[in-house]
Amino acid sequence: MAEEAVESFSDPTAPDWAFGDQAGAQCNLALIRLQNGEIDGAAEAIRPVLDLAPAQRNRGIVVSAARVGSALLGPARDTVSAQELRAEIEAYSPSRLALPS
């Protein structure tokens, strides 16, 4: 279901598309993959969010990414890939958040 949500939000030419909705769906997919123990899959899911320009990192997106970072404190926290992803998410928040569009 989360993969379907990501797919439905992936067309930026759709009339109701919003990058924040897509980012939220990507973060939700990452959380589900973490619950299933799929750290590499979670990293793949959140990659488009982490690649957003700082000007697009509004509060909602930063909070959603932070939830993924918090989930990385779970059972798989000691793996190198989990530690690297968590560090990247911790550094993700820009010094000044963008205003919502």
N, C-alpha and C. Protein backbone atom coordinates (compact mmCIF):
# COMPACT_ATOMS: atom_id res chain seq x y z
N MET A 1 0.82 -1.18 0.00
CA MET A 1 0.00 0.00 0.00
C MET A 1 0.87 1.26 0.00
N ALA A 2 1.95 1.28 0.80
CA ALA A 2 2.83 2.45 0.83
C ALA A 2 3.50 2.65 -0.51
N GLU A 3 3.85 1.54 -1.16
CA GLU A 3 4.47 1.66 -2.48
C GLU A 3 3.48 2.23 -3.49
N GLU A 4 2.21 1.88 -3.34
CA GLU A 4 1.17 2.45 -4.21
C GLU A 4 1.03 3.95 -3.97
N ALA A 5 1.13 4.37 -2.72
CA ALA A 5 1.03 5.80 -2.40
C ALA A 5 2.20 6.55 -3.02
N VAL A 6 3.40 6.00 -2.92
CA VAL A 6 4.57 6.64 -3.53
C VAL A 6 4.35 6.76 -5.03
N GLU A 7 3.88 5.68 -5.63
CA GLU A 7 3.64 5.68 -7.08
C GLU A 7 2.61 6.75 -7.46
N SER A 8 1.54 6.86 -6.67
CA SER A 8 0.49 7.82 -7.02
C SER A 8 0.94 9.27 -6.86
N PHE A 9 1.94 9.50 -6.02
CA PHE A 9 2.45 10.86 -5.83
C PHE A 9 3.70 11.16 -6.66
N SER A 10 4.06 10.26 -7.57
CA SER A 10 5.33 10.43 -8.28
C SER A 10 5.24 11.21 -9.59
N ASP A 11 4.08 11.62 -9.99
CA ASP A 11 3.93 12.36 -11.26
C ASP A 11 3.78 13.86 -11.00
N PRO A 12 4.87 14.61 -11.14
CA PRO A 12 4.80 16.05 -10.86
C PRO A 12 3.93 16.83 -11.85
N THR A 13 3.51 16.19 -12.93
CA THR A 13 2.63 16.89 -13.87
C THR A 13 1.15 16.72 -13.51
N ALA A 14 0.86 15.88 -12.53
CA ALA A 14 -0.53 15.69 -12.10
C ALA A 14 -1.05 16.98 -11.48
N PRO A 15 -2.31 17.30 -11.71
CA PRO A 15 -2.84 18.59 -11.24
C PRO A 15 -2.80 18.79 -9.72
N ASP A 16 -2.91 17.72 -8.95
CA ASP A 16 -2.92 17.85 -7.50
C ASP A 16 -1.58 17.48 -6.86
N TRP A 17 -0.53 17.33 -7.67
CA TRP A 17 0.77 16.90 -7.15
C TRP A 17 1.38 17.97 -6.25
N ALA A 18 2.02 17.51 -5.19
CA ALA A 18 2.76 18.39 -4.29
C ALA A 18 3.99 17.63 -3.80
N PHE A 19 5.14 18.29 -3.85
CA PHE A 19 6.37 17.60 -3.46
C PHE A 19 6.32 17.17 -1.99
N GLY A 20 5.59 17.90 -1.16
CA GLY A 20 5.47 17.53 0.24
C GLY A 20 4.69 16.23 0.43
N ASP A 21 3.65 16.03 -0.37
CA ASP A 21 2.90 14.78 -0.31
C ASP A 21 3.77 13.61 -0.76
N GLN A 22 4.52 13.83 -1.81
CA GLN A 22 5.41 12.78 -2.29
C GLN A 22 6.46 12.46 -1.23
N ALA A 23 7.04 13.48 -0.62
CA ALA A 23 8.05 13.26 0.40
C ALA A 23 7.47 12.50 1.60
N GLY A 24 6.25 12.84 2.00
CA GLY A 24 5.60 12.14 3.10
C GLY A 24 5.38 10.67 2.78
N ALA A 25 4.96 10.39 1.56
CA ALA A 25 4.75 9.00 1.14
C ALA A 25 6.07 8.24 1.13
N GLN A 26 7.13 8.90 0.68
CA GLN A 26 8.46 8.26 0.66
C GLN A 26 8.91 7.94 2.08
N CYS A 27 8.70 8.86 3.01
CA CYS A 27 9.09 8.63 4.40
C CYS A 27 8.27 7.51 5.01
N ASN A 28 6.97 7.45 4.71
CA ASN A 28 6.14 6.36 5.22
C ASN A 28 6.61 5.01 4.69
N LEU A 29 6.98 4.97 3.43
CA LEU A 29 7.50 3.73 2.85
C LEU A 29 8.80 3.34 3.55
N ALA A 30 9.66 4.31 3.84
CA ALA A 30 10.90 4.02 4.55
C ALA A 30 10.61 3.44 5.93
N LEU A 31 9.63 3.99 6.63
CA LEU A 31 9.26 3.49 7.96
C LEU A 31 8.77 2.04 7.88
N ILE A 32 7.95 1.74 6.91
CA ILE A 32 7.45 0.38 6.75
C ILE A 32 8.58 -0.58 6.46
N ARG A 33 9.49 -0.17 5.61
CA ARG A 33 10.63 -1.03 5.31
C ARG A 33 11.51 -1.24 6.53
N LEU A 34 11.67 -0.22 7.35
CA LEU A 34 12.44 -0.39 8.58
C LEU A 34 11.75 -1.38 9.52
N GLN A 35 10.43 -1.30 9.61
CA GLN A 35 9.69 -2.25 10.45
C GLN A 35 9.91 -3.68 9.99
N ASN A 36 10.17 -3.85 8.70
CA ASN A 36 10.42 -5.17 8.14
C ASN A 36 11.91 -5.52 8.16
N GLY A 37 12.72 -4.66 8.77
CA GLY A 37 14.16 -4.93 8.86
C GLY A 37 14.94 -4.66 7.59
N GLU A 38 14.35 -3.91 6.68
CA GLU A 38 14.98 -3.63 5.38
C GLU A 38 15.65 -2.26 5.40
N ILE A 39 16.84 -2.19 5.95
CA ILE A 39 17.52 -0.90 6.05
C ILE A 39 17.88 -0.36 4.68
N ASP A 40 18.38 -1.21 3.80
CA ASP A 40 18.73 -0.73 2.46
C ASP A 40 17.48 -0.27 1.71
N GLY A 41 16.37 -0.96 1.89
CA GLY A 41 15.12 -0.56 1.26
C GLY A 41 14.61 0.76 1.81
N ALA A 42 14.79 0.96 3.11
CA ALA A 42 14.40 2.23 3.72
C ALA A 42 15.26 3.36 3.19
N ALA A 43 16.55 3.11 3.06
CA ALA A 43 17.46 4.13 2.53
C ALA A 43 17.07 4.50 1.10
N GLU A 44 16.69 3.50 0.32
CA GLU A 44 16.26 3.75 -1.06
C GLU A 44 14.98 4.58 -1.07
N ALA A 45 14.05 4.27 -0.17
CA ALA A 45 12.77 4.97 -0.13
C ALA A 45 12.93 6.43 0.27
N ILE A 46 13.81 6.71 1.21
CA ILE A 46 13.95 8.09 1.70
C ILE A 46 14.94 8.91 0.87
N ARG A 47 15.68 8.28 -0.02
CA ARG A 47 16.69 9.00 -0.81
C ARG A 47 16.12 10.22 -1.54
N PRO A 48 14.96 10.12 -2.22
CA PRO A 48 14.44 11.32 -2.91
C PRO A 48 14.16 12.47 -1.94
N VAL A 49 13.79 12.15 -0.72
CA VAL A 49 13.52 13.19 0.28
C VAL A 49 14.84 13.85 0.70
N LEU A 50 15.84 13.04 0.94
CA LEU A 50 17.14 13.58 1.35
C LEU A 50 17.80 14.39 0.24
N ASP A 51 17.41 14.12 -1.00
CA ASP A 51 17.98 14.85 -2.13
C ASP A 51 17.24 16.15 -2.44
N LEU A 52 16.16 16.45 -1.71
CA LEU A 52 15.45 17.71 -1.94
C LEU A 52 16.37 18.90 -1.63
N ALA A 53 16.22 19.95 -2.40
CA ALA A 53 16.99 21.17 -2.15
C ALA A 53 16.59 21.74 -0.78
N PRO A 54 17.51 22.37 -0.07
CA PRO A 54 17.18 22.93 1.24
C PRO A 54 15.94 23.84 1.22
N ALA A 55 15.72 24.56 0.14
CA ALA A 55 14.56 25.46 0.06
C ALA A 55 13.23 24.69 0.07
N GLN A 56 13.27 23.39 -0.25
CA GLN A 56 12.05 22.58 -0.27
C GLN A 56 11.83 21.83 1.05
N ARG A 57 12.75 21.90 1.94
CA ARG A 57 12.67 21.14 3.19
C ARG A 57 11.84 21.90 4.22
N ASN A 58 10.54 21.86 4.01
CA ASN A 58 9.66 22.54 4.96
C ASN A 58 9.54 21.73 6.25
N ARG A 59 8.89 22.29 7.21
CA ARG A 59 8.81 21.65 8.53
C ARG A 59 8.20 20.24 8.46
N GLY A 60 7.14 20.08 7.69
CA GLY A 60 6.51 18.77 7.59
C GLY A 60 7.44 17.71 7.03
N ILE A 61 8.21 18.07 6.03
CA ILE A 61 9.14 17.13 5.43
C ILE A 61 10.27 16.80 6.40
N VAL A 62 10.79 17.81 7.09
CA VAL A 62 11.87 17.58 8.05
C VAL A 62 11.39 16.69 9.19
N VAL A 63 10.17 16.92 9.66
CA VAL A 63 9.61 16.10 10.74
C VAL A 63 9.42 14.65 10.26
N SER A 64 8.93 14.48 9.05
CA SER A 64 8.75 13.13 8.51
C SER A 64 10.08 12.40 8.38
N ALA A 65 11.09 13.09 7.91
CA ALA A 65 12.43 12.48 7.81
C ALA A 65 12.97 12.15 9.19
N ALA A 66 12.72 13.01 10.16
CA ALA A 66 13.18 12.77 11.53
C ALA A 66 12.53 11.52 12.12
N ARG A 67 11.30 11.24 11.75
CA ARG A 67 10.64 10.01 12.22
C ARG A 67 11.39 8.78 11.73
N VAL A 68 11.85 8.86 10.49
CA VAL A 68 12.64 7.75 9.95
C VAL A 68 13.94 7.64 10.74
N GLY A 69 14.56 8.78 11.02
CA GLY A 69 15.79 8.77 11.82
C GLY A 69 15.57 8.15 13.19
N SER A 70 14.45 8.46 13.82
CA SER A 70 14.13 7.88 15.13
C SER A 70 13.92 6.38 15.03
N ALA A 71 13.29 5.94 13.95
CA ALA A 71 13.07 4.50 13.76
C ALA A 71 14.39 3.76 13.57
N LEU A 72 15.41 4.47 13.14
CA LEU A 72 16.72 3.84 12.97
C LEU A 72 17.41 3.59 14.31
N LEU A 73 16.80 4.01 15.39
CA LEU A 73 17.33 3.73 16.72
C LEU A 73 16.84 2.37 17.21
N GLY A 74 16.06 1.68 16.40
CA GLY A 74 15.50 0.38 16.77
C GLY A 74 16.54 -0.73 16.69
N PRO A 75 16.06 -1.95 16.50
CA PRO A 75 16.93 -3.13 16.57
C PRO A 75 18.12 -3.12 15.61
N ALA A 76 17.99 -2.49 14.47
CA ALA A 76 19.08 -2.52 13.49
C ALA A 76 20.04 -1.34 13.64
N ARG A 77 19.97 -0.65 14.76
CA ARG A 77 20.72 0.59 14.94
C ARG A 77 22.23 0.43 14.87
N ASP A 78 22.73 -0.77 15.09
CA ASP A 78 24.17 -0.96 15.14
C ASP A 78 24.80 -1.24 13.78
N THR A 79 24.01 -1.40 12.75
CA THR A 79 24.60 -1.64 11.44
C THR A 79 25.20 -0.35 10.90
N VAL A 80 26.24 -0.50 10.11
CA VAL A 80 26.91 0.67 9.54
C VAL A 80 25.95 1.46 8.67
N SER A 81 25.15 0.78 7.86
CA SER A 81 24.24 1.50 6.97
C SER A 81 23.18 2.26 7.77
N ALA A 82 22.71 1.72 8.88
CA ALA A 82 21.75 2.43 9.72
C ALA A 82 22.38 3.66 10.35
N GLN A 83 23.60 3.52 10.82
CA GLN A 83 24.30 4.65 11.44
C GLN A 83 24.55 5.76 10.42
N GLU A 84 24.95 5.39 9.21
CA GLU A 84 25.21 6.38 8.17
C GLU A 84 23.92 7.10 7.77
N LEU A 85 22.84 6.35 7.61
CA LEU A 85 21.57 6.96 7.23
C LEU A 85 21.07 7.87 8.34
N ARG A 86 21.18 7.42 9.58
CA ARG A 86 20.75 8.25 10.71
C ARG A 86 21.54 9.55 10.77
N ALA A 87 22.85 9.48 10.53
CA ALA A 87 23.68 10.69 10.54
C ALA A 87 23.27 11.64 9.42
N GLU A 88 22.95 11.08 8.26
CA GLU A 88 22.51 11.93 7.14
C GLU A 88 21.19 12.61 7.45
N ILE A 89 20.28 11.89 8.08
CA ILE A 89 18.98 12.47 8.44
C ILE A 89 19.17 13.54 9.51
N GLU A 90 20.04 13.31 10.48
CA GLU A 90 20.28 14.29 11.53
C GLU A 90 20.84 15.59 10.95
N ALA A 91 21.62 15.49 9.90
CA ALA A 91 22.19 16.68 9.26
C ALA A 91 21.25 17.28 8.22
N TYR A 92 20.11 16.67 8.02
CA TYR A 92 19.18 17.05 6.95
C TYR A 92 18.52 18.40 7.14
N SER A 93 18.14 18.73 8.35
CA SER A 93 17.39 19.94 8.59
C SER A 93 18.22 21.16 8.21
N PRO A 94 17.69 22.00 7.32
CA PRO A 94 18.41 23.21 6.97
C PRO A 94 18.38 24.20 8.14
N SER A 95 19.28 25.14 8.12
CA SER A 95 19.33 26.10 9.23
C SER A 95 18.07 26.94 9.29
N ARG A 96 17.42 27.15 8.16
CA ARG A 96 16.18 27.91 8.11
C ARG A 96 15.18 27.13 7.27
N LEU A 97 14.12 26.67 7.86
CA LEU A 97 13.13 25.90 7.15
C LEU A 97 12.38 26.74 6.14
N ALA A 98 12.02 26.13 5.03
CA ALA A 98 11.24 26.82 4.01
C ALA A 98 9.81 26.99 4.51
N LEU A 99 9.18 28.04 4.07
CA LEU A 99 7.77 28.26 4.40
C LEU A 99 6.92 27.29 3.56
N PRO A 100 5.81 26.83 4.09
CA PRO A 100 4.94 25.94 3.30
C PRO A 100 4.47 26.66 2.04
N SER A 101 4.33 25.90 0.96
CA SER A 101 3.87 26.47 -0.31
C SER A 101 2.38 26.55 -0.35
